[in-house]
Amino acid sequence: MSALHHTGPVDVFKARSNKVLAILLWVLAAFGLVVTLIQSGLGGVRFVAPLVLLAFAGWALFWRPAVVVSDAGVELVNPLRDVGVPWEALAFVDTRYALTLGTGAGRFSAWAAPAPGVLGARHAKPDSISGLPATSYGPGQSVRPGDLRHTVSGQAAFLVRRRWAEQVERGAVEGGLVDETPVARGAEWWILAVAVLLAAATIATLA
């Protein structure tokens, strides 16, 4: 269940690199399954727990995480936790280590939008710096590496800041309510339960 009741146009951000990693794990799991069945026949099904765990990890860690932006606010979909931040609750957007939303209830980071490393920042081009929302710039129009538009965190931050600015300009966001506006938080315990069961099955298979 979504942590936020989204309204208006909805933008769903998922890092392309995360999708690639998820697909890679699925391919490896599928290849392992085929090899196992060829070598052991249908009896090899009892050895597939590690492969299922690999595929499930690909979904939970890389395919599921997302940043969802709508007129209602921002939802961070992380591997085990979903966080819904209404615009009234948002105080600032930071990208030092990952896309992070600052609220009166604390800071919440997006698994789907980590900040770039040193190499990622070096590949910045002029269009990665220009045309960003005003809140992206620091003193002297400086831009933090995590805000560069060609980076994963920068792309997500751009979506959040742009929609935030649009909502403020429309008068759809009431100011001064950061501390009073609740942030919705939900834990996806079933994901953890499935992972634990698959890990236990994997250990039993390899024992």
C-alpha atoms as a PDB file:
ATOM      1  CA  MET A   1       0.000   0.000   0.000  1.00  0.00           C
ATOM      2  CA  SER A   2       1.276   3.472  -0.887  1.00  0.00           C
ATOM      3  CA  ALA A   3       2.434   5.663   1.993  1.00  0.00           C
ATOM      4  CA  LEU A   4       0.874   8.702   0.294  1.00  0.00           C
ATOM      5  CA  HIS A   5      -2.415   9.265  -1.516  1.00  0.00           C
ATOM      6  CA  HIS A   6      -1.084  10.625  -4.798  1.00  0.00           C
ATOM      7  CA  THR A   7      -2.993  13.207  -6.819  1.00  0.00           C
ATOM      8  CA  GLY A   8      -2.396  14.858 -10.172  1.00  0.00           C
ATOM      9  CA  PRO A   9       0.375  13.759 -12.552  1.00  0.00           C
ATOM     10  CA  VAL A  10       2.645  11.163 -10.966  1.00  0.00           C
ATOM     11  CA  ASP A  11       6.366  10.902 -11.749  1.00  0.00           C
ATOM     12  CA  VAL A  12       8.061   7.649 -10.735  1.00  0.00           C
ATOM     13  CA  PHE A  13      11.847   7.786 -10.643  1.00  0.00           C
ATOM     14  CA  LYS A  14      13.906   4.607 -10.696  1.00  0.00           C
ATOM     15  CA  ALA A  15      17.624   4.703 -11.392  1.00  0.00           C
ATOM     16  CA  ARG A  16      18.526   3.070 -14.683  1.00  0.00           C
ATOM     17  CA  SER A  17      21.599   1.510 -13.066  1.00  0.00           C
ATOM     18  CA  ASN A  18      19.386  -0.149 -10.444  1.00  0.00           C
ATOM     19  CA  LYS A  19      17.157  -1.599 -13.141  1.00  0.00           C
ATOM     20  CA  VAL A  20      20.203  -2.986 -14.930  1.00  0.00           C
ATOM     21  CA  LEU A  21      21.452  -4.626 -11.722  1.00  0.00           C
ATOM     22  CA  ALA A  22      18.029  -6.162 -11.066  1.00  0.00           C
ATOM     23  CA  ILE A  23      17.805  -7.581 -14.575  1.00  0.00           C
ATOM     24  CA  LEU A  24      21.366  -8.907 -14.303  1.00  0.00           C
ATOM     25  CA  LEU A  25      20.498 -10.784 -11.105  1.00  0.00           C
ATOM     26  CA  TRP A  26      17.347 -12.182 -12.726  1.00  0.00           C
ATOM     27  CA  VAL A  27      19.324 -13.366 -15.731  1.00  0.00           C
ATOM     28  CA  LEU A  28      21.906 -15.024 -13.488  1.00  0.00           C
ATOM     29  CA  ALA A  29      19.142 -16.704 -11.487  1.00  0.00           C
ATOM     30  CA  ALA A  30      17.398 -17.917 -14.658  1.00  0.00           C
ATOM     31  CA  PHE A  31      20.680 -19.208 -16.088  1.00  0.00           C
ATOM     32  CA  GLY A  32      21.439 -21.044 -12.857  1.00  0.00           C
ATOM     33  CA  LEU A  33      17.969 -22.593 -12.873  1.00  0.00           C
ATOM     34  CA  VAL A  34      18.369 -23.850 -16.433  1.00  0.00           C
ATOM     35  CA  VAL A  35      21.801 -25.329 -15.694  1.00  0.00           C
ATOM     36  CA  THR A  36      20.499 -26.981 -12.510  1.00  0.00           C
ATOM     37  CA  LEU A  37      17.531 -28.564 -14.272  1.00  0.00           C
ATOM     38  CA  ILE A  38      19.695 -29.778 -17.159  1.00  0.00           C
ATOM     39  CA  GLN A  39      22.186 -31.387 -14.798  1.00  0.00           C
ATOM     40  CA  SER A  40      19.770 -32.778 -12.205  1.00  0.00           C
ATOM     41  CA  GLY A  41      16.409 -32.961 -13.955  1.00  0.00           C
ATOM     42  CA  LEU A  42      13.240 -32.086 -12.066  1.00  0.00           C
ATOM     43  CA  GLY A  43      14.899 -33.333  -8.890  1.00  0.00           C
ATOM     44  CA  GLY A  44      17.125 -30.260  -9.090  1.00  0.00           C
ATOM     45  CA  VAL A  45      14.187 -28.122  -7.972  1.00  0.00           C
ATOM     46  CA  ARG A  46      15.237 -28.752  -4.373  1.00  0.00           C
ATOM     47  CA  PHE A  47      18.433 -26.804  -5.048  1.00  0.00           C
ATOM     48  CA  VAL A  48      16.804 -23.630  -6.406  1.00  0.00           C
ATOM     49  CA  ALA A  49      16.439 -21.731  -3.092  1.00  0.00           C
ATOM     50  CA  PRO A  50      19.701 -19.756  -3.605  1.00  0.00           C
ATOM     51  CA  LEU A  51      18.563 -18.791  -7.095  1.00  0.00           C
ATOM     52  CA  VAL A  52      15.153 -17.659  -5.891  1.00  0.00           C
ATOM     53  CA  LEU A  53      16.863 -15.630  -3.159  1.00  0.00           C
ATOM     54  CA  LEU A  54      19.085 -14.014  -5.788  1.00  0.00           C
ATOM     55  CA  ALA A  55      16.095 -13.076  -7.943  1.00  0.00           C
ATOM     56  CA  PHE A  56      14.129 -11.798  -4.948  1.00  0.00           C
ATOM     57  CA  ALA A  57      17.079  -9.674  -3.834  1.00  0.00           C
ATOM     58  CA  GLY A  58      17.216  -8.172  -7.323  1.00  0.00           C
ATOM     59  CA  TRP A  59      13.601  -7.090  -7.017  1.00  0.00           C
ATOM     60  CA  ALA A  60      13.718  -5.877  -3.401  1.00  0.00           C
ATOM     61  CA  LEU A  61      17.060  -4.060  -3.525  1.00  0.00           C
ATOM     62  CA  PHE A  62      17.142  -2.707  -7.064  1.00  0.00           C
ATOM     63  CA  TRP A  63      13.783  -2.883  -8.863  1.00  0.00           C
ATOM     64  CA  ARG A  64      11.358  -1.931  -6.066  1.00  0.00           C
ATOM     65  CA  PRO A  65      13.069   1.261  -4.757  1.00  0.00           C
ATOM     66  CA  ALA A  66      11.665   4.440  -6.266  1.00  0.00           C
ATOM     67  CA  VAL A  67      10.969   8.113  -5.699  1.00  0.00           C
ATOM     68  CA  VAL A  68       7.346   8.939  -6.468  1.00  0.00           C
ATOM     69  CA  VAL A  69       6.407  12.595  -6.940  1.00  0.00           C
ATOM     70  CA  SER A  70       2.877  13.978  -7.270  1.00  0.00           C
ATOM     71  CA  ASP A  71       0.808  17.016  -6.346  1.00  0.00           C
ATOM     72  CA  ALA A  72       0.329  15.447  -2.904  1.00  0.00           C
ATOM     73  CA  GLY A  73       4.033  15.193  -2.058  1.00  0.00           C
ATOM     74  CA  VAL A  74       6.921  12.747  -2.299  1.00  0.00           C
ATOM     75  CA  GLU A  75       6.952   9.054  -1.507  1.00  0.00           C
ATOM     76  CA  LEU A  76      10.237   7.246  -0.936  1.00  0.00           C
ATOM     77  CA  VAL A  77       9.900   3.551  -1.703  1.00  0.00           C
ATOM     78  CA  ASN A  78      12.841   1.818  -0.019  1.00  0.00           C
ATOM     79  CA  PRO A  79      13.549  -1.923   0.274  1.00  0.00           C
ATOM     80  CA  LEU A  80      11.788  -2.346   3.617  1.00  0.00           C
ATOM     81  CA  ARG A  81      10.194   1.007   4.332  1.00  0.00           C
ATOM     82  CA  ASP A  82       7.928   3.468   2.534  1.00  0.00           C
ATOM     83  CA  VAL A  83       7.882   7.125   3.553  1.00  0.00           C
ATOM     84  CA  GLY A  84       5.232   9.600   2.415  1.00  0.00           C
ATOM     85  CA  VAL A  85       6.123  13.290   2.769  1.00  0.00           C
ATOM     86  CA  PRO A  86       3.352  15.820   2.019  1.00  0.00           C
ATOM     87  CA  TRP A  87       4.599  19.111   0.609  1.00  0.00           C
ATOM     88  CA  GLU A  88       3.602  20.932   3.801  1.00  0.00           C
ATOM     89  CA  ALA A  89       5.952  18.646   5.755  1.00  0.00           C
ATOM     90  CA  LEU A  90       8.971  19.226   3.516  1.00  0.00           C
ATOM     91  CA  ALA A  91      11.579  21.650   4.883  1.00  0.00           C
ATOM     92  CA  PHE A  92      14.512  21.023   2.537  1.00  0.00           C
ATOM     93  CA  VAL A  93      15.993  18.659  -0.051  1.00  0.00           C
ATOM     94  CA  ASP A  94      19.575  17.477   0.378  1.00  0.00           C
ATOM     95  CA  THR A  95      21.798  15.303  -1.833  1.00  0.00           C
ATOM     96  CA  ARG A  96      25.015  14.983   0.150  1.00  0.00           C
ATOM     97  CA  TYR A  97      24.912  11.179   0.400  1.00  0.00           C
ATOM     98  CA  ALA A  98      21.603  10.452  -1.334  1.00  0.00           C
ATOM     99  CA  LEU A  99      18.381  12.275  -2.080  1.00  0.00           C
ATOM    100  CA  THR A 100      17.265  13.199   1.440  1.00  0.00           C
ATOM    101  CA  LEU A 101      14.058  14.909   2.489  1.00  0.00           C
ATOM    102  CA  GLY A 102      14.239  17.059   5.611  1.00  0.00           C
ATOM    103  CA  THR A 103      11.036  17.292   7.654  1.00  0.00           C
ATOM    104  CA  GLY A 104       9.952  18.163  11.172  1.00  0.00           C
ATOM    105  CA  ALA A 105       9.865  14.427  11.881  1.00  0.00           C
ATOM    106  CA  GLY A 106      13.445  13.835  10.738  1.00  0.00           C
ATOM    107  CA  ARG A 107      15.484  13.196   7.599  1.00  0.00           C
ATOM    108  CA  PHE A 108      14.540  10.460   5.166  1.00  0.00           C
ATOM    109  CA  SER A 109      16.852   9.153   2.433  1.00  0.00           C
ATOM    110  CA  ALA A 110      15.962   7.505  -0.851  1.00  0.00           C
ATOM    111  CA  TRP A 111      17.587   4.133  -1.548  1.00  0.00           C
ATOM    112  CA  ALA A 112      16.736   4.698  -5.222  1.00  0.00           C
ATOM    113  CA  ALA A 113      18.779   7.909  -5.513  1.00  0.00           C
ATOM    114  CA  PRO A 114      22.320   7.695  -4.073  1.00  0.00           C
ATOM    115  CA  ALA A 115      24.710  10.599  -4.593  1.00  0.00           C
ATOM    116  CA  PRO A 116      27.489  10.165  -7.164  1.00  0.00           C
ATOM    117  CA  GLY A 117      31.080   9.252  -6.415  1.00  0.00           C
ATOM    118  CA  VAL A 118      34.064  11.307  -7.441  1.00  0.00           C
ATOM    119  CA  LEU A 119      34.024  10.005 -11.014  1.00  0.00           C
ATOM    120  CA  GLY A 120      30.342  10.791 -11.433  1.00  0.00           C
ATOM    121  CA  ALA A 121      30.885  14.402 -10.435  1.00  0.00           C
ATOM    122  CA  ARG A 122      33.816  14.783 -12.848  1.00  0.00           C
ATOM    123  CA  HIS A 123      31.600  14.043 -15.846  1.00  0.00           C
ATOM    124  CA  ALA A 124      29.484  17.135 -15.262  1.00  0.00           C
ATOM    125  CA  LYS A 125      28.607  19.209 -18.335  1.00  0.00           C
ATOM    126  CA  PRO A 126      27.280  22.781 -18.509  1.00  0.00           C
ATOM    127  CA  ASP A 127      23.708  21.575 -19.016  1.00  0.00           C
ATOM    128  CA  SER A 128      24.028  19.492 -15.821  1.00  0.00           C
ATOM    129  CA  ILE A 129      24.332  22.716 -13.845  1.00  0.00           C
ATOM    130  CA  SER A 130      22.085  25.187 -15.679  1.00  0.00           C
ATOM    131  CA  GLY A 131      18.332  25.444 -15.408  1.00  0.00           C
ATOM    132  CA  LEU A 132      17.993  23.768 -12.015  1.00  0.00           C
ATOM    133  CA  PRO A 133      15.315  24.830  -9.509  1.00  0.00           C
ATOM    134  CA  ALA A 134      16.458  27.802  -7.434  1.00  0.00           C
ATOM    135  CA  THR A 135      16.791  25.746  -4.247  1.00  0.00           C
ATOM    136  CA  SER A 136      19.466  23.600  -5.946  1.00  0.00           C
ATOM    137  CA  TYR A 137      22.025  26.420  -5.812  1.00  0.00           C
ATOM    138  CA  GLY A 138      24.230  27.397  -2.909  1.00  0.00           C
ATOM    139  CA  PRO A 139      26.348  30.514  -2.353  1.00  0.00           C
ATOM    140  CA  GLY A 140      27.710  31.972  -5.570  1.00  0.00           C
ATOM    141  CA  GLN A 141      25.415  29.704  -7.654  1.00  0.00           C
ATOM    142  CA  SER A 142      27.444  26.697  -6.548  1.00  0.00           C
ATOM    143  CA  VAL A 143      25.951  23.239  -7.043  1.00  0.00           C
ATOM    144  CA  ARG A 144      26.616  20.200  -4.882  1.00  0.00           C
ATOM    145  CA  PRO A 145      27.769  17.112  -6.892  1.00  0.00           C
ATOM    146  CA  GLY A 146      24.638  15.247  -5.837  1.00  0.00           C
ATOM    147  CA  ASP A 147      22.477  17.957  -7.429  1.00  0.00           C
ATOM    148  CA  LEU A 148      24.022  17.689 -10.899  1.00  0.00           C
ATOM    149  CA  ARG A 149      21.273  16.749 -13.307  1.00  0.00           C
ATOM    150  CA  HIS A 150      23.206  13.897 -14.962  1.00  0.00           C
ATOM    151  CA  THR A 151      23.543  12.063 -11.635  1.00  0.00           C
ATOM    152  CA  VAL A 152      20.992   9.701 -10.093  1.00  0.00           C
ATOM    153  CA  SER A 153      20.425  11.849  -7.000  1.00  0.00           C
ATOM    154  CA  GLY A 154      20.368  14.990  -9.142  1.00  0.00           C
ATOM    155  CA  GLN A 155      17.658  13.620 -11.438  1.00  0.00           C
ATOM    156  CA  ALA A 156      15.478  12.674  -8.490  1.00  0.00           C
ATOM    157  CA  ALA A 157      16.122  15.980  -6.702  1.00  0.00           C
ATOM    158  CA  PHE A 158      15.194  17.883  -9.869  1.00  0.00           C
ATOM    159  CA  LEU A 159      11.811  16.137 -10.010  1.00  0.00           C
ATOM    160  CA  VAL A 160      11.133  16.830  -6.332  1.00  0.00           C
ATOM    161  CA  ARG A 161      12.239  20.460  -6.334  1.00  0.00           C
ATOM    162  CA  ARG A 162      10.464  21.297  -9.594  1.00  0.00           C
ATOM    163  CA  ARG A 163       7.110  19.913  -8.423  1.00  0.00           C
ATOM    164  CA  TRP A 164       7.584  21.522  -4.994  1.00  0.00           C
ATOM    165  CA  ALA A 165       8.184  24.923  -6.600  1.00  0.00           C
ATOM    166  CA  GLU A 166       5.161  24.469  -8.877  1.00  0.00           C
ATOM    167  CA  GLN A 167       2.928  23.653  -5.927  1.00  0.00           C
ATOM    168  CA  VAL A 168       4.199  26.651  -3.943  1.00  0.00           C
ATOM    169  CA  GLU A 169       3.669  28.995  -6.906  1.00  0.00           C
ATOM    170  CA  ARG A 170       0.120  27.692  -7.324  1.00  0.00           C
ATOM    171  CA  GLY A 171      -0.594  28.417  -3.683  1.00  0.00           C
ATOM    172  CA  ALA A 172      -1.319  24.726  -3.104  1.00  0.00           C
ATOM    173  CA  VAL A 173       1.181  24.457  -0.221  1.00  0.00           C
ATOM    174  CA  GLU A 174       0.363  26.153   3.064  1.00  0.00           C
ATOM    175  CA  GLY A 175       3.516  27.457   4.699  1.00  0.00           C
ATOM    176  CA  GLY A 176       4.582  27.171   8.326  1.00  0.00           C
ATOM    177  CA  LEU A 177       3.235  23.657   8.826  1.00  0.00           C
ATOM    178  CA  VAL A 178       6.461  21.645   8.621  1.00  0.00           C
ATOM    179  CA  ASP A 179       6.482  20.613  12.258  1.00  0.00           C
ATOM    180  CA  GLU A 180       2.752  19.916  12.452  1.00  0.00           C
ATOM    181  CA  THR A 181       2.301  17.952   9.239  1.00  0.00           C
ATOM    182  CA  PRO A 182       2.670  14.201   9.813  1.00  0.00           C
ATOM    183  CA  VAL A 183       4.942  12.052   7.691  1.00  0.00           C
ATOM    184  CA  ALA A 184       3.511   8.653   6.791  1.00  0.00           C
ATOM    185  CA  ARG A 185       5.815   5.716   7.447  1.00  0.00           C
ATOM    186  CA  GLY A 186       5.168   2.062   6.765  1.00  0.00           C
ATOM    187  CA  ALA A 187       7.317  -1.055   7.064  1.00  0.00           C
ATOM    188  CA  GLU A 188       7.054  -3.848   4.511  1.00  0.00           C
ATOM    189  CA  TRP A 189       7.712  -6.684   6.941  1.00  0.00           C
ATOM    190  CA  TRP A 190       6.571  -9.311   4.459  1.00  0.00           C
ATOM    191  CA  ILE A 191       9.630  -8.566   2.322  1.00  0.00           C
ATOM    192  CA  LEU A 192      11.909  -9.193   5.285  1.00  0.00           C
ATOM    193  CA  ALA A 193       9.991 -12.368   6.155  1.00  0.00           C
ATOM    194  CA  VAL A 194      10.345 -13.740   2.617  1.00  0.00           C
ATOM    195  CA  ALA A 195      14.054 -12.878   2.571  1.00  0.00           C
ATOM    196  CA  VAL A 196      14.617 -14.662   5.891  1.00  0.00           C
ATOM    197  CA  LEU A 197      12.749 -17.759   4.713  1.00  0.00           C
ATOM    198  CA  LEU A 198      14.709 -17.867   1.462  1.00  0.00           C
ATOM    199  CA  ALA A 199      17.990 -17.333   3.312  1.00  0.00           C
ATOM    200  CA  ALA A 200      17.136 -20.203   5.684  1.00  0.00           C
ATOM    201  CA  ALA A 201      16.228 -22.420   2.732  1.00  0.00           C
ATOM    202  CA  THR A 202      19.501 -21.479   1.041  1.00  0.00           C
ATOM    203  CA  ILE A 203      21.527 -22.381   4.124  1.00  0.00           C
ATOM    204  CA  ALA A 204      19.681 -25.708   4.383  1.00  0.00           C
ATOM    205  CA  THR A 205      20.346 -26.399   0.697  1.00  0.00           C
ATOM    206  CA  LEU A 206      24.057 -25.658   0.961  1.00  0.00           C
ATOM    207  CA  ALA A 207      24.546 -27.463   4.275  1.00  0.00           C
END
